[in-house]
Amino acid sequence: MTTTSSVNGTSSTSSINSTLQSGSSSAADLQNNFLTMLVTQMNNQDPLNPMDNSQLTSQLAQISTVSSMQTMNATLNQLLSQVSASRAMDSAALIGRTVMVPGSHVSVKDGVTGQIGVDLPSTADSVTVSVLDQGGNVVRTIDMKGQVAGVHDITWDGKNDAGALVADGDYTFKVSATANGSSVQPVALVYGKVQSISGDSSGVLVDVGNGQTAGVNDVRRIL
């Protein structure tokens, strides 16, 4: 008696899924592989228990879905690339403009401080700003008291807690804000003039000088 080997839909589906996950085959390759497996399956099916129409239809639908998804992914990637390029071109208008972006560095020159601010995601009943020198020592503490949610400028007159002007140089600042004893996760902000526009895998970036960049989506204010 001739022995027939049984090839079921599960092995075919597993092979398709494995090929798709590897990401090494195109939609055309997947279709060719599927058709080869399908013909082999039909030639070697059990005559006493042949594959019915519903199984055939199901497997054809699977390969059609896989092919459509790969085509859709390719189209979406092209659209994303075009959108990214378009956003970079639109963002070029920011060059030369002063923007407010996340940052914690502030400089003092001739007794004049750089502009700084804070973004509060929710209303806070207490907002405190600590300015630190390069040694990490707190030279000035600013109590902003309660503030509503939103972007706020921080006023620092360039003086320390004793009322004397601090030395020119670079400083950092930290902002703490709480509501009912819990932090509202404030974001420290700095102003800077946009020097250039660039892009990487994370999106469009604005260069505000001093080696500092920020995502264009992180720009809080444009002057």
Protein backbone atom coordinates (compact mmCIF):
# COMPACT_ATOMS: atom_id res chain seq x y z
CA MET A 1 0.00 0.00 0.00
CA THR A 2 1.28 3.45 -0.88
CA THR A 3 1.75 5.68 2.14
CA THR A 4 0.74 9.33 1.84
CA SER A 5 2.23 11.95 4.10
CA SER A 6 -0.12 14.43 5.68
CA VAL A 7 0.72 18.12 5.41
CA ASN A 8 -1.66 20.29 7.37
CA GLY A 9 -2.41 24.01 7.41
CA THR A 10 -0.65 24.50 10.74
CA SER A 11 2.82 23.81 9.33
CA SER A 12 2.11 26.10 6.38
CA THR A 13 0.95 28.91 8.65
CA SER A 14 3.95 28.45 10.96
CA SER A 15 6.34 28.72 8.02
CA ILE A 16 4.64 31.91 6.84
CA ASN A 17 4.73 33.48 10.28
CA SER A 18 8.39 32.49 10.74
CA THR A 19 9.34 34.04 7.41
CA LEU A 20 7.40 37.21 8.17
CA GLN A 21 9.02 37.64 11.59
CA SER A 22 12.50 37.22 10.13
CA GLY A 23 11.86 40.31 8.00
CA SER A 24 14.19 38.93 5.30
CA SER A 25 11.59 38.22 2.58
CA SER A 26 9.57 40.51 0.40
CA ALA A 27 5.85 40.14 -0.25
CA ALA A 28 6.65 38.45 -3.58
CA ASP A 29 8.97 35.95 -1.85
CA LEU A 30 6.28 35.15 0.69
CA GLN A 31 3.71 34.56 -2.05
CA ASN A 32 6.06 32.25 -3.96
CA ASN A 33 6.94 30.31 -0.82
CA PHE A 34 3.29 30.02 0.13
CA LEU A 35 2.23 28.76 -3.30
CA THR A 36 5.03 26.17 -3.26
CA MET A 37 3.93 24.95 0.16
CA LEU A 38 0.27 24.94 -0.89
CA VAL A 39 0.92 22.85 -4.01
CA THR A 40 3.06 20.44 -1.96
CA GLN A 41 0.31 20.22 0.63
CA MET A 42 -2.34 19.44 -1.99
CA ASN A 43 -0.15 16.84 -3.72
CA ASN A 44 0.56 15.04 -0.46
CA GLN A 45 -2.78 15.35 1.29
CA ASP A 46 -4.54 12.28 2.59
CA PRO A 47 -7.04 11.12 -0.11
CA LEU A 48 -9.34 9.90 2.63
CA ASN A 49 -9.25 13.28 4.38
CA PRO A 50 -8.56 15.95 1.73
CA MET A 51 -8.27 19.62 2.52
CA ASP A 52 -11.70 21.20 2.18
CA ASN A 53 -12.51 24.53 0.58
CA SER A 54 -12.66 26.38 3.91
CA GLN A 55 -9.04 25.41 4.69
CA LEU A 56 -7.89 26.51 1.24
CA THR A 57 -9.79 29.79 1.53
CA SER A 58 -8.38 30.40 5.01
CA GLN A 59 -4.79 29.91 3.89
CA LEU A 60 -5.24 32.08 0.80
CA ALA A 61 -6.67 34.80 3.04
CA GLN A 62 -3.65 34.54 5.33
CA ILE A 63 -1.09 35.07 2.57
CA SER A 64 -3.19 37.88 1.13
CA THR A 65 -3.23 39.58 4.54
CA VAL A 66 0.53 39.15 4.95
CA SER A 67 1.20 40.60 1.50
CA SER A 68 -1.13 43.55 2.13
CA MET A 69 0.51 44.29 5.48
CA GLN A 70 4.00 44.35 3.97
CA THR A 71 2.83 46.66 1.19
CA MET A 72 1.11 48.90 3.72
CA ASN A 73 4.23 49.03 5.92
CA ALA A 74 6.37 50.07 2.96
CA THR A 75 3.88 52.79 2.04
CA LEU A 76 3.68 54.07 5.62
CA ASN A 77 7.48 54.21 5.87
CA GLN A 78 7.61 56.29 2.70
CA LEU A 79 4.94 58.63 4.04
CA LEU A 80 6.77 59.00 7.36
CA SER A 81 9.99 59.87 5.54
CA GLN A 82 8.18 62.50 3.49
CA VAL A 83 6.49 63.97 6.56
CA SER A 84 9.82 64.08 8.43
CA ALA A 85 11.50 65.89 5.54
CA SER A 86 8.58 68.31 5.29
CA ARG A 87 8.70 69.05 9.02
CA ALA A 88 12.44 69.69 8.83
CA MET A 89 11.87 72.20 6.03
CA ASP A 90 9.05 73.90 7.96
CA SER A 91 11.19 74.02 11.10
CA ALA A 92 13.94 75.85 9.21
CA ALA A 93 11.87 78.99 9.77
CA LEU A 94 12.92 78.80 13.43
CA ILE A 95 16.57 79.54 12.63
CA GLY A 96 17.48 82.85 14.24
CA ARG A 97 14.42 82.81 16.49
CA THR A 98 14.59 82.58 20.28
CA VAL A 99 12.80 79.53 21.67
CA MET A 100 12.12 78.04 25.08
CA VAL A 101 13.12 74.40 25.41
CA PRO A 102 13.85 71.91 28.22
CA GLY A 103 17.21 72.58 29.88
CA SER A 104 18.86 73.37 33.18
CA HIS A 105 21.90 75.50 32.33
CA VAL A 106 21.98 79.26 32.75
CA SER A 107 24.88 81.66 32.32
CA VAL A 108 25.66 84.98 33.95
CA LYS A 109 27.58 87.65 32.03
CA ASP A 110 28.25 91.17 33.28
CA GLY A 111 25.75 90.53 36.04
CA VAL A 112 22.96 89.67 33.56
CA THR A 113 21.45 86.19 33.72
CA GLY A 114 20.07 84.08 30.93
CA GLN A 115 16.32 83.64 30.74
CA ILE A 116 14.90 80.51 32.36
CA GLY A 117 11.47 79.08 33.05
CA VAL A 118 9.42 76.11 34.10
CA ASP A 119 6.59 74.06 32.65
CA LEU A 120 4.07 72.84 35.23
CA PRO A 121 1.89 69.98 33.94
CA SER A 122 -0.64 70.73 36.68
CA THR A 123 -1.36 73.36 39.29
CA ALA A 124 1.16 73.41 42.14
CA ASP A 125 0.74 74.92 45.60
CA SER A 126 4.50 75.25 46.02
CA VAL A 127 7.23 75.96 43.41
CA THR A 128 10.88 76.36 44.43
CA VAL A 129 13.87 77.09 42.20
CA SER A 130 17.42 76.29 43.32
CA VAL A 131 20.38 77.85 41.45
CA LEU A 132 23.67 75.97 41.81
CA ASP A 133 27.25 76.92 40.99
CA GLN A 134 29.70 74.63 39.19
CA GLY A 135 30.59 73.01 42.49
CA GLY A 136 26.97 71.98 43.07
CA ASN A 137 26.46 74.50 45.86
CA VAL A 138 23.11 76.28 46.09
CA VAL A 139 23.73 80.01 45.67
CA ARG A 140 20.15 81.17 45.35
CA THR A 141 16.74 79.81 46.30
CA ILE A 142 13.68 81.36 44.65
CA ASP A 143 10.23 80.76 46.11
CA MET A 144 7.59 81.12 43.38
CA LYS A 145 4.83 80.01 45.76
CA GLY A 146 1.72 78.54 44.11
CA GLN A 147 1.36 78.51 40.31
CA VAL A 148 -1.26 77.29 37.87
CA ALA A 149 -0.44 74.72 35.21
CA GLY A 150 1.46 76.00 32.19
CA VAL A 151 4.72 77.66 31.17
CA HIS A 152 6.12 80.32 33.51
CA ASP A 153 9.20 82.54 33.39
CA ILE A 154 11.55 82.42 36.37
CA THR A 155 12.96 85.74 37.49
CA TRP A 156 16.53 85.60 38.79
CA ASP A 157 18.34 88.90 39.34
CA GLY A 158 21.79 87.32 39.33
CA LYS A 159 22.19 87.64 43.08
CA ASN A 160 22.85 85.02 45.74
CA ASP A 161 20.81 84.52 48.88
CA ALA A 162 22.91 87.17 50.64
CA GLY A 163 21.92 89.77 48.05
CA ALA A 164 25.33 90.01 46.35
CA LEU A 165 25.86 89.57 42.62
CA VAL A 166 27.24 86.16 41.74
CA ALA A 167 30.36 85.81 39.63
CA ASP A 168 30.00 85.58 35.87
CA GLY A 169 30.00 82.02 34.61
CA ASP A 170 27.84 78.96 34.10
CA TYR A 171 25.23 77.78 36.58
CA THR A 172 22.52 75.14 36.73
CA PHE A 173 19.09 75.27 38.28
CA LYS A 174 16.55 72.81 39.57
CA VAL A 175 12.81 73.24 39.99
CA SER A 176 10.68 71.40 42.52
CA ALA A 177 6.92 71.75 42.56
CA THR A 178 4.35 69.98 44.69
CA ALA A 179 0.60 69.77 45.06
CA ASN A 180 -0.77 68.35 48.28
CA GLY A 181 2.70 67.11 49.14
CA SER A 182 3.28 65.21 45.87
CA SER A 183 5.56 66.29 43.02
CA VAL A 184 3.85 67.52 39.86
CA GLN A 185 6.97 66.69 37.80
CA PRO A 186 7.96 70.18 36.63
CA VAL A 187 10.17 70.62 33.55
CA ALA A 188 13.00 73.16 33.75
CA LEU A 189 13.22 75.40 30.67
CA VAL A 190 15.83 77.67 29.10
CA TYR A 191 15.77 80.17 26.26
CA GLY A 192 18.14 79.95 23.34
CA LYS A 193 18.53 81.23 19.80
CA VAL A 194 18.10 78.52 17.17
CA GLN A 195 21.38 78.04 15.31
CA SER A 196 20.39 75.22 13.00
CA ILE A 197 17.89 72.46 12.31
CA SER A 198 18.86 68.80 12.06
CA GLY A 199 17.24 65.41 12.31
CA ASP A 200 17.88 61.94 13.65
CA SER A 201 15.91 58.78 14.35
CA SER A 202 13.95 60.61 17.06
CA GLY A 203 12.77 63.38 14.74
CA VAL A 204 13.58 67.02 13.99
CA LEU A 205 16.02 68.74 16.36
CA VAL A 206 16.71 72.41 17.03
CA ASP A 207 20.23 73.48 18.00
CA VAL A 208 20.10 76.38 20.47
CA GLY A 209 23.87 76.72 20.90
CA ASN A 210 26.34 75.62 23.57
CA GLY A 211 26.00 72.06 22.35
CA GLN A 212 22.35 71.90 23.42
CA THR A 213 19.65 70.46 21.18
CA ALA A 214 15.97 69.76 21.72
CA GLY A 215 13.20 68.09 19.77
CA VAL A 216 11.07 70.52 17.81
CA ASN A 217 8.06 69.07 19.61
CA ASP A 218 9.62 70.14 22.92
CA VAL A 219 9.65 73.84 22.00
CA ARG A 220 7.42 75.52 24.58
CA ARG A 221 7.58 79.10 23.38
CA ILE A 222 8.81 81.04 20.34
CA LEU A 223 9.77 84.72 20.60
